[in-house]
Amino acid sequence: MSTKRDYYEVLSVARDAAGNEIKSAYRRLAIQYHPDKNPGNAEAEEKFKEATEAYSVLSDADKRARYDRFGHAGVGGASGGPGGAGFDPTIFADFSDILGDLFGFGGAGRRRGGGARAPRRGADLRYDLTLSFEKAAFGSTEKLRIPRLETCSICSGSGSADSEAPKPCTACGGHGQVRYNQGFFSVARTCPQCSGQGTIITNPCTTCRGEGLEEKQRTLEVNIPPGVEDGTRLRMTGEGEHGRFGGPPGSLYVVMGVEPHESFQREGPHVFSELKISYPQAVLGATRQVETIHGKVALEIPPGTEHGREFRMRGKGIERLDGGGKGDHRVHISVHVPRAKDLEEEQVELLRRLAEISGDEVEEEKSVLDKVKKKVFG
């Protein structure tokens, strides 16, 4: 799993942030942490690179879409290299206003907020989905039951039990905020009468209690792509909670948890397994059938193979999320050394003969009387 910080968190922007918001957020961080303004400051340089990497992904529509669906795995998962997010030193080429701010000219604009009853985006939801090793490798279709807040079916989201429109709040004049003067300062606080809505519903809907939203269960069919791994995040736009006052719905984030396999281990798109071979097979060579996620594959073991050697079977691993093809299946060789008591007498004798020919010193065979003496007297 990746240890990188979430790119939206790095830039301190919402997941539905527009391109100009992302650009403004990056501009602010670039000005703050640029190496020219922080000479010799390693921490500032790392934050500058981190912000630039986040911007290089979120400012690109295709990369952002892959990142929103699959997280860091969808954009290569590591900085640098072909297809990765990486630190791109040419990132400034598209907007000279950042360079202008760095060197003392130009200025950044500021956002202005809307009214109290402005459309509000619905909340994002998270669903933790546990998959088997095979489903994560090959993909699957899963049915999820999601509890969420949806537009009230009785009042159609108005919050009112009748057709009468909400009335402006008399305490705040419909602004949703009340201002207090403290000395030379004017402080705005959420209106206590309308809770910041700016309006009052005189006859609330009994189903949603005037909130305009009611809790419902929704069943979704989710297509899990091949190659997801533990921690992969799949974004489903518009499947979160419904918005208020005509606002858009939030997103549903399905977070994968992958169960371990009894025979295989996994590292990204690569699969690992162990193959036990006998001493004669290690010395003389052999052909063994290796179980992979794609079925059995013949593996040629050359003479003189040592314990711990690893063989790579190209393309027999898991599909990469970024479309880069399949990973490899890597076989770790373990030379099995049996205990003498588990061997037939003829096998033991052959091993003693081999040791004699090779000039190897081994434990001498003891007579029955010697074994009894050792057991009795120690």
Protein backbone atom coordinates (compact mmCIF):
# COMPACT_ATOMS: atom_id res chain seq x y z
CA MET A 1 0.00 0.00 0.00
CA SER A 2 1.04 3.51 -0.69
CA THR A 3 2.15 5.73 2.19
CA LYS A 4 1.65 8.92 0.22
CA ARG A 5 -0.72 11.56 1.55
CA ASP A 6 -4.01 12.08 -0.23
CA TYR A 7 -3.51 14.64 -3.01
CA TYR A 8 -6.64 16.58 -2.07
CA GLU A 9 -5.37 16.75 1.51
CA VAL A 10 -1.98 17.99 0.31
CA LEU A 11 -3.60 20.91 -1.53
CA SER A 12 -6.32 21.38 1.13
CA VAL A 13 -9.15 21.30 -1.42
CA ALA A 14 -12.46 19.45 -1.58
CA ARG A 15 -12.78 16.40 -3.81
CA ASP A 16 -15.19 18.24 -6.08
CA ALA A 17 -12.96 21.32 -6.31
CA ALA A 18 -12.94 23.07 -9.67
CA GLY A 19 -9.77 23.48 -11.71
CA ASN A 20 -9.30 27.13 -10.70
CA GLU A 21 -9.54 26.18 -7.00
CA ILE A 22 -6.89 23.50 -7.42
CA LYS A 23 -4.68 25.95 -9.28
CA SER A 24 -5.10 28.63 -6.62
CA ALA A 25 -4.32 26.15 -3.83
CA TYR A 26 -1.18 25.04 -5.60
CA ARG A 27 -0.14 28.63 -6.28
CA ARG A 28 -0.37 29.41 -2.56
CA LEU A 29 1.77 26.41 -1.55
CA ALA A 30 4.26 26.98 -4.37
CA ILE A 31 4.82 30.56 -3.19
CA GLN A 32 5.18 29.44 0.42
CA TYR A 33 7.56 26.52 -0.10
CA HIS A 34 9.47 27.37 -3.29
CA PRO A 35 13.21 26.55 -2.87
CA ASP A 36 14.17 30.05 -4.01
CA LYS A 37 12.33 31.47 -1.01
CA ASN A 38 13.56 28.76 1.37
CA PRO A 39 17.23 28.17 0.50
CA GLY A 40 18.70 25.19 2.31
CA ASN A 41 15.37 24.21 3.90
CA ALA A 42 14.95 20.49 3.13
CA GLU A 43 11.47 20.30 4.69
CA ALA A 44 10.17 23.19 2.55
CA GLU A 45 11.66 21.57 -0.55
CA GLU A 46 9.85 18.27 0.19
CA LYS A 47 6.54 20.07 0.72
CA PHE A 48 7.06 21.94 -2.54
CA LYS A 49 7.66 18.67 -4.39
CA GLU A 50 4.66 17.03 -2.69
CA ALA A 51 2.36 19.91 -3.70
CA THR A 52 3.70 19.88 -7.26
CA GLU A 53 3.13 16.12 -7.55
CA ALA A 54 -0.45 16.55 -6.30
CA TYR A 55 -1.09 19.36 -8.77
CA SER A 56 0.37 17.43 -11.70
CA VAL A 57 -2.29 14.74 -11.12
CA LEU A 58 -5.32 16.81 -10.10
CA SER A 59 -4.85 19.36 -12.88
CA ASP A 60 -4.91 16.62 -15.53
CA ALA A 61 -8.46 15.39 -16.21
CA ASP A 62 -7.44 11.81 -17.11
CA LYS A 63 -5.01 11.39 -14.21
CA ARG A 64 -7.50 12.90 -11.79
CA ALA A 65 -10.23 10.51 -12.93
CA ARG A 66 -7.93 7.49 -12.42
CA TYR A 67 -6.80 8.82 -9.04
CA ASP A 68 -10.39 9.41 -7.89
CA ARG A 69 -11.31 5.82 -8.78
CA PHE A 70 -8.21 3.91 -7.69
CA GLY A 71 -6.12 6.24 -5.52
CA HIS A 72 -2.33 6.32 -5.95
CA ALA A 73 -2.36 2.90 -7.65
CA GLY A 74 -4.29 4.39 -10.56
CA VAL A 75 -1.55 6.90 -11.40
CA GLY A 76 1.48 4.65 -11.02
CA GLY A 77 1.70 4.76 -7.21
CA ALA A 78 5.21 6.26 -7.08
CA SER A 79 6.79 9.52 -7.93
CA GLY A 80 8.92 9.75 -11.00
CA GLY A 81 9.21 7.36 -13.93
CA PRO A 82 6.97 6.84 -16.93
CA GLY A 83 3.31 7.04 -16.06
CA GLY A 84 3.98 7.99 -12.44
CA ALA A 85 2.74 11.12 -10.73
CA GLY A 86 6.17 12.37 -9.88
CA PHE A 87 7.69 15.79 -9.47
CA ASP A 88 7.56 17.63 -12.77
CA PRO A 89 9.92 20.61 -12.87
CA THR A 90 8.17 21.92 -16.00
CA ILE A 91 4.87 22.30 -14.18
CA PHE A 92 5.19 26.10 -14.15
CA ALA A 93 5.13 26.31 -17.93
CA ASP A 94 1.34 26.60 -18.14
CA PHE A 95 0.75 29.54 -15.82
CA SER A 96 3.10 32.46 -15.49
CA ASP A 97 1.01 34.03 -12.74
CA ILE A 98 2.62 31.67 -10.20
CA LEU A 99 6.06 32.76 -11.31
CA GLY A 100 4.87 36.34 -11.08
CA ASP A 101 3.76 35.85 -7.47
CA LEU A 102 7.05 34.18 -6.61
CA PHE A 103 9.01 37.17 -7.81
CA GLY A 104 6.81 39.84 -6.32
CA PHE A 105 4.14 40.84 -8.85
CA GLY A 106 0.60 39.73 -9.60
CA GLY A 107 -2.01 38.56 -7.10
CA ALA A 108 -4.37 35.70 -6.36
CA GLY A 109 -8.12 36.09 -6.41
CA ARG A 110 -10.45 35.18 -3.55
CA ARG A 111 -13.64 33.16 -3.56
CA ARG A 112 -16.86 34.65 -2.37
CA GLY A 113 -19.48 32.61 -0.56
CA GLY A 114 -23.13 32.19 -1.53
CA GLY A 115 -26.33 32.76 0.40
CA ALA A 116 -27.75 30.70 3.25
CA ARG A 117 -30.05 28.65 1.01
CA ALA A 118 -27.50 28.19 -1.76
CA PRO A 119 -27.36 24.62 -3.15
CA ARG A 120 -25.31 22.33 -0.90
CA ARG A 121 -23.49 19.25 -2.05
CA GLY A 122 -24.39 16.00 -0.32
CA ALA A 123 -21.97 14.22 1.99
CA ASP A 124 -19.53 11.59 0.73
CA LEU A 125 -19.96 8.04 1.99
CA ARG A 126 -17.48 5.19 2.57
CA TYR A 127 -18.13 1.47 2.19
CA ASP A 128 -15.52 -1.10 3.25
CA LEU A 129 -15.67 -4.12 0.93
CA THR A 130 -13.79 -7.36 1.67
CA LEU A 131 -12.72 -9.38 -1.38
CA SER A 132 -11.11 -12.78 -1.82
CA PHE A 133 -7.60 -12.92 -3.33
CA GLU A 134 -9.04 -14.21 -6.61
CA LYS A 135 -11.76 -11.55 -6.90
CA ALA A 136 -9.18 -8.82 -6.34
CA ALA A 137 -6.94 -10.35 -9.01
CA PHE A 138 -9.56 -10.96 -11.70
CA GLY A 139 -12.28 -8.46 -10.84
CA SER A 140 -15.88 -9.15 -9.90
CA THR A 141 -19.37 -7.69 -9.71
CA GLU A 142 -20.60 -7.03 -6.17
CA LYS A 143 -23.99 -5.95 -4.84
CA LEU A 144 -23.83 -3.40 -2.02
CA ARG A 145 -26.62 -2.17 0.26
CA ILE A 146 -25.96 1.46 1.08
CA PRO A 147 -27.91 3.44 3.70
CA ARG A 148 -27.97 7.11 2.72
CA LEU A 149 -29.96 10.33 2.95
CA GLU A 150 -32.07 10.98 -0.15
CA THR A 151 -34.43 13.74 -1.16
CA CYS A 152 -37.65 13.34 0.81
CA SER A 153 -40.27 11.53 -1.27
CA ILE A 154 -43.15 13.36 0.46
CA CYS A 155 -42.08 17.01 0.32
CA SER A 156 -39.64 16.66 -2.63
CA GLY A 157 -36.90 18.20 -0.51
CA SER A 158 -38.70 21.39 0.48
CA GLY A 159 -39.03 20.34 4.11
CA SER A 160 -42.58 21.70 4.22
CA ALA A 161 -45.74 19.63 4.73
CA ASP A 162 -47.75 21.92 2.44
CA SER A 163 -47.16 24.00 -0.62
CA GLU A 164 -46.32 27.10 1.40
CA ALA A 165 -42.78 28.26 0.71
CA PRO A 166 -40.35 28.74 3.60
CA LYS A 167 -40.43 32.25 5.04
CA PRO A 168 -37.34 34.42 5.57
CA CYS A 169 -36.01 34.24 9.10
CA THR A 170 -36.91 37.40 11.01
CA ALA A 171 -33.85 37.17 13.25
CA CYS A 172 -31.23 37.28 10.47
CA GLY A 173 -33.27 38.75 7.62
CA GLY A 174 -32.72 35.61 5.54
CA HIS A 175 -28.91 35.79 5.63
CA GLY A 176 -28.36 32.82 7.93
CA GLN A 177 -25.94 34.85 10.04
CA VAL A 178 -26.33 37.39 12.80
CA ARG A 179 -23.70 40.11 13.28
CA TYR A 180 -22.54 41.32 16.66
CA ASN A 181 -20.45 44.40 17.32
CA GLN A 182 -17.56 43.92 19.72
CA GLY A 183 -15.73 47.19 20.08
CA PHE A 184 -14.32 48.12 16.72
CA PHE A 185 -15.00 44.64 15.30
CA SER A 186 -18.11 43.08 13.76
CA VAL A 187 -18.45 39.31 14.31
CA ALA A 188 -20.80 37.08 12.28
CA ARG A 189 -22.32 34.01 13.90
CA THR A 190 -24.78 31.34 12.72
CA CYS A 191 -28.31 32.47 13.34
CA PRO A 192 -29.68 30.54 16.37
CA GLN A 193 -33.29 30.81 15.16
CA CYS A 194 -32.94 29.26 11.70
CA SER A 195 -29.64 27.36 12.29
CA GLY A 196 -28.05 29.19 9.39
CA GLN A 197 -30.75 28.28 6.83
CA GLY A 198 -32.02 31.83 6.39
CA THR A 199 -35.61 30.59 6.30
CA ILE A 200 -38.21 29.20 8.67
CA ILE A 201 -40.59 26.35 7.77
CA THR A 202 -43.87 26.95 9.61
CA ASN A 203 -45.35 23.49 8.90
CA PRO A 204 -42.49 20.92 8.71
CA CYS A 205 -42.87 17.68 6.78
CA THR A 206 -43.50 14.81 9.22
CA THR A 207 -41.45 12.34 7.18
CA CYS A 208 -38.18 14.30 7.11
CA ARG A 209 -38.95 16.66 10.04
CA GLY A 210 -38.30 19.65 7.85
CA GLU A 211 -34.83 18.54 6.77
CA GLY A 212 -35.78 17.75 3.18
CA LEU A 213 -33.89 14.44 3.36
CA GLU A 214 -34.91 10.97 4.55
CA GLU A 215 -32.84 7.83 5.13
CA LYS A 216 -33.23 5.05 2.58
CA GLN A 217 -31.48 1.84 1.57
CA ARG A 218 -30.04 1.69 -1.92
CA THR A 219 -28.73 -1.46 -3.63
CA LEU A 220 -25.85 -0.87 -6.01
CA GLU A 221 -24.15 -3.23 -8.45
CA VAL A 222 -20.45 -2.38 -8.46
CA ASN A 223 -17.97 -3.60 -11.07
CA ILE A 224 -14.63 -4.23 -9.37
CA PRO A 225 -11.82 -3.98 -11.96
CA PRO A 226 -9.02 -6.58 -12.05
CA GLY A 227 -5.93 -5.68 -10.05
CA VAL A 228 -7.33 -3.91 -7.01
CA GLU A 229 -5.35 -4.42 -3.83
CA ASP A 230 -5.73 -3.85 -0.12
CA GLY A 231 -6.59 -0.18 0.38
CA THR A 232 -7.60 0.57 -3.22
CA ARG A 233 -10.36 3.17 -3.28
CA LEU A 234 -13.09 3.12 -5.94
CA ARG A 235 -15.08 6.33 -6.37
CA MET A 236 -18.71 6.26 -7.52
CA THR A 237 -19.73 9.80 -8.40
CA GLY A 238 -23.26 10.77 -7.41
CA GLU A 239 -23.87 7.73 -5.18
CA GLY A 240 -23.31 9.55 -1.90
CA GLU A 241 -25.98 11.39 0.09
CA HIS A 242 -28.28 13.76 -1.79
CA GLY A 243 -27.62 17.48 -1.64
CA ARG A 244 -29.87 20.14 -0.14
CA PHE A 245 -31.58 23.02 -1.90
CA GLY A 246 -30.95 21.42 -5.29
CA GLY A 247 -27.28 20.73 -4.64
CA PRO A 248 -25.53 17.75 -6.28
CA PRO A 249 -25.15 14.43 -4.47
CA GLY A 250 -21.87 13.40 -2.90
CA SER A 251 -19.73 10.43 -3.91
CA LEU A 252 -19.50 6.89 -2.58
CA TYR A 253 -15.99 5.60 -1.89
CA VAL A 254 -15.68 1.82 -1.88
CA VAL A 255 -12.48 0.87 -0.02
CA MET A 256 -11.13 -2.61 -0.74
CA GLY A 257 -9.82 -5.09 1.79
CA VAL A 258 -8.25 -8.22 0.29
CA GLU A 259 -8.17 -11.54 2.15
CA PRO A 260 -4.85 -13.45 2.26
CA HIS A 261 -4.32 -16.60 0.15
CA GLU A 262 -3.11 -19.88 1.60
CA SER A 263 -0.51 -20.42 -1.15
CA PHE A 264 0.19 -17.04 -2.75
CA GLN A 265 1.51 -13.74 -1.55
CA ARG A 266 1.22 -10.49 -3.44
CA GLU A 267 3.22 -7.32 -3.99
CA GLY A 268 1.41 -4.97 -6.35
CA PRO A 269 0.81 -6.87 -9.62
CA HIS A 270 3.37 -9.60 -8.75
CA VAL A 271 2.47 -12.95 -7.16
CA PHE A 272 4.90 -15.01 -5.06
CA SER A 273 4.84 -18.69 -4.14
CA GLU A 274 7.21 -21.32 -2.76
CA LEU A 275 8.18 -24.55 -4.51
CA LYS A 276 9.79 -27.36 -2.54
CA ILE A 277 12.15 -29.62 -4.46
CA SER A 278 14.26 -32.61 -3.39
CA TYR A 279 18.04 -32.64 -3.14
CA PRO A 280 18.40 -34.85 -6.26
CA GLN A 281 16.15 -32.46 -8.22
CA ALA A 282 18.26 -29.51 -7.10
CA VAL A 283 21.47 -31.26 -8.17
CA LEU A 284 20.33 -32.95 -11.38
CA GLY A 285 17.57 -30.57 -12.49
CA ALA A 286 13.89 -31.31 -13.12
CA THR A 287 10.66 -30.05 -14.63
CA ARG A 288 7.94 -29.21 -12.09
CA GLN A 289 4.38 -28.02 -12.46
CA VAL A 290 3.82 -24.72 -10.65
CA GLU A 291 0.38 -23.56 -9.59
CA THR A 292 -0.31 -19.94 -10.62
CA ILE A 293 -3.48 -17.84 -10.53
CA HIS A 294 -3.82 -18.65 -14.24
CA GLY A 295 -3.46 -22.42 -13.78
CA LYS A 296 -0.51 -24.82 -13.78
CA VAL A 297 2.65 -23.86 -15.67
CA ALA A 298 5.72 -26.04 -16.31
CA LEU A 299 8.92 -24.70 -14.73
CA GLU A 300 12.34 -25.92 -15.86
CA ILE A 301 14.69 -26.26 -12.87
CA PRO A 302 18.29 -26.32 -14.11
CA PRO A 303 20.93 -28.61 -12.56
CA GLY A 304 22.70 -27.09 -9.57
CA THR A 305 19.78 -24.98 -8.39
CA GLU A 306 20.48 -23.67 -4.90
CA HIS A 307 18.09 -23.20 -2.00
CA GLY A 308 16.54 -19.71 -2.06
CA ARG A 309 16.84 -19.14 -5.80
CA GLU A 310 13.94 -17.29 -7.41
CA PHE A 311 12.49 -17.89 -10.87
CA ARG A 312 10.33 -15.35 -12.70
CA MET A 313 7.39 -16.38 -14.87
CA ARG A 314 6.60 -13.30 -16.93
CA GLY A 315 3.00 -12.21 -17.36
CA LYS A 316 1.61 -14.80 -14.95
CA GLY A 317 0.76 -12.26 -12.26
CA ILE A 318 -2.09 -9.78 -11.79
CA GLU A 319 -3.42 -7.13 -14.17
CA ARG A 320 -2.13 -3.63 -13.40
CA LEU A 321 -4.78 -1.03 -12.62
CA ASP A 322 -3.11 1.58 -14.82
CA GLY A 323 -3.37 -0.67 -17.89
CA GLY A 324 0.31 -1.61 -17.99
CA GLY A 325 -0.25 -5.34 -18.48
CA LYS A 326 0.13 -8.22 -16.05
CA GLY A 327 2.80 -8.61 -13.42
CA ASP A 328 4.96 -11.70 -12.90
CA HIS A 329 4.68 -14.89 -10.87
CA ARG A 330 7.87 -15.40 -8.89
CA VAL A 331 8.76 -18.82 -7.56
CA HIS A 332 10.99 -19.15 -4.51
CA ILE A 333 12.87 -22.47 -4.44
CA SER A 334 13.10 -24.37 -1.17
CA VAL A 335 15.33 -27.48 -1.17
CA HIS A 336 13.74 -30.08 1.08
CA VAL A 337 16.16 -31.88 3.43
CA PRO A 338 14.56 -34.99 4.94
CA ARG A 339 15.45 -36.45 8.33
CA ALA A 340 17.33 -39.77 8.30
CA LYS A 341 14.60 -41.50 10.30
CA ASP A 342 12.09 -40.68 7.55
CA LEU A 343 14.18 -42.43 4.88
CA GLU A 344 14.33 -46.05 3.84
CA GLU A 345 17.45 -47.99 4.85
CA GLU A 346 18.54 -48.18 1.21
CA GLN A 347 18.26 -44.39 0.85
CA VAL A 348 20.38 -43.84 3.95
CA GLU A 349 23.00 -46.24 2.67
CA LEU A 350 23.15 -44.45 -0.70
CA LEU A 351 23.66 -41.13 1.07
CA ARG A 352 26.49 -42.59 3.16
CA ARG A 353 28.08 -43.91 -0.02
CA LEU A 354 27.78 -40.45 -1.61
CA ALA A 355 29.36 -38.83 1.44
CA GLU A 356 32.21 -41.35 1.30
CA ILE A 357 32.87 -40.65 -2.39
CA SER A 358 32.73 -36.88 -1.78
CA GLY A 359 35.01 -37.07 1.23
CA ASP A 360 32.38 -35.55 3.51
CA GLU A 361 32.44 -36.37 7.22
CA VAL A 362 29.07 -37.57 8.51
CA GLU A 363 27.84 -39.11 11.74
CA GLU A 364 28.84 -42.76 11.98
CA GLU A 365 26.10 -45.34 12.09
CA LYS A 366 25.77 -46.80 15.63
CA SER A 367 24.94 -50.36 16.51
CA VAL A 368 21.80 -51.32 18.37
CA LEU A 369 23.92 -51.84 21.56
CA ASP A 370 25.38 -48.33 21.26
CA LYS A 371 21.90 -46.83 20.87
CA VAL A 372 20.66 -48.70 24.01
CA LYS A 373 23.68 -47.53 26.03
CA LYS A 374 23.12 -43.90 24.97
CA LYS A 375 19.47 -44.11 25.94
CA VAL A 376 20.17 -45.67 29.36
CA PHE A 377 23.36 -43.90 30.42
CA GLY A 378 23.14 -40.73 28.30
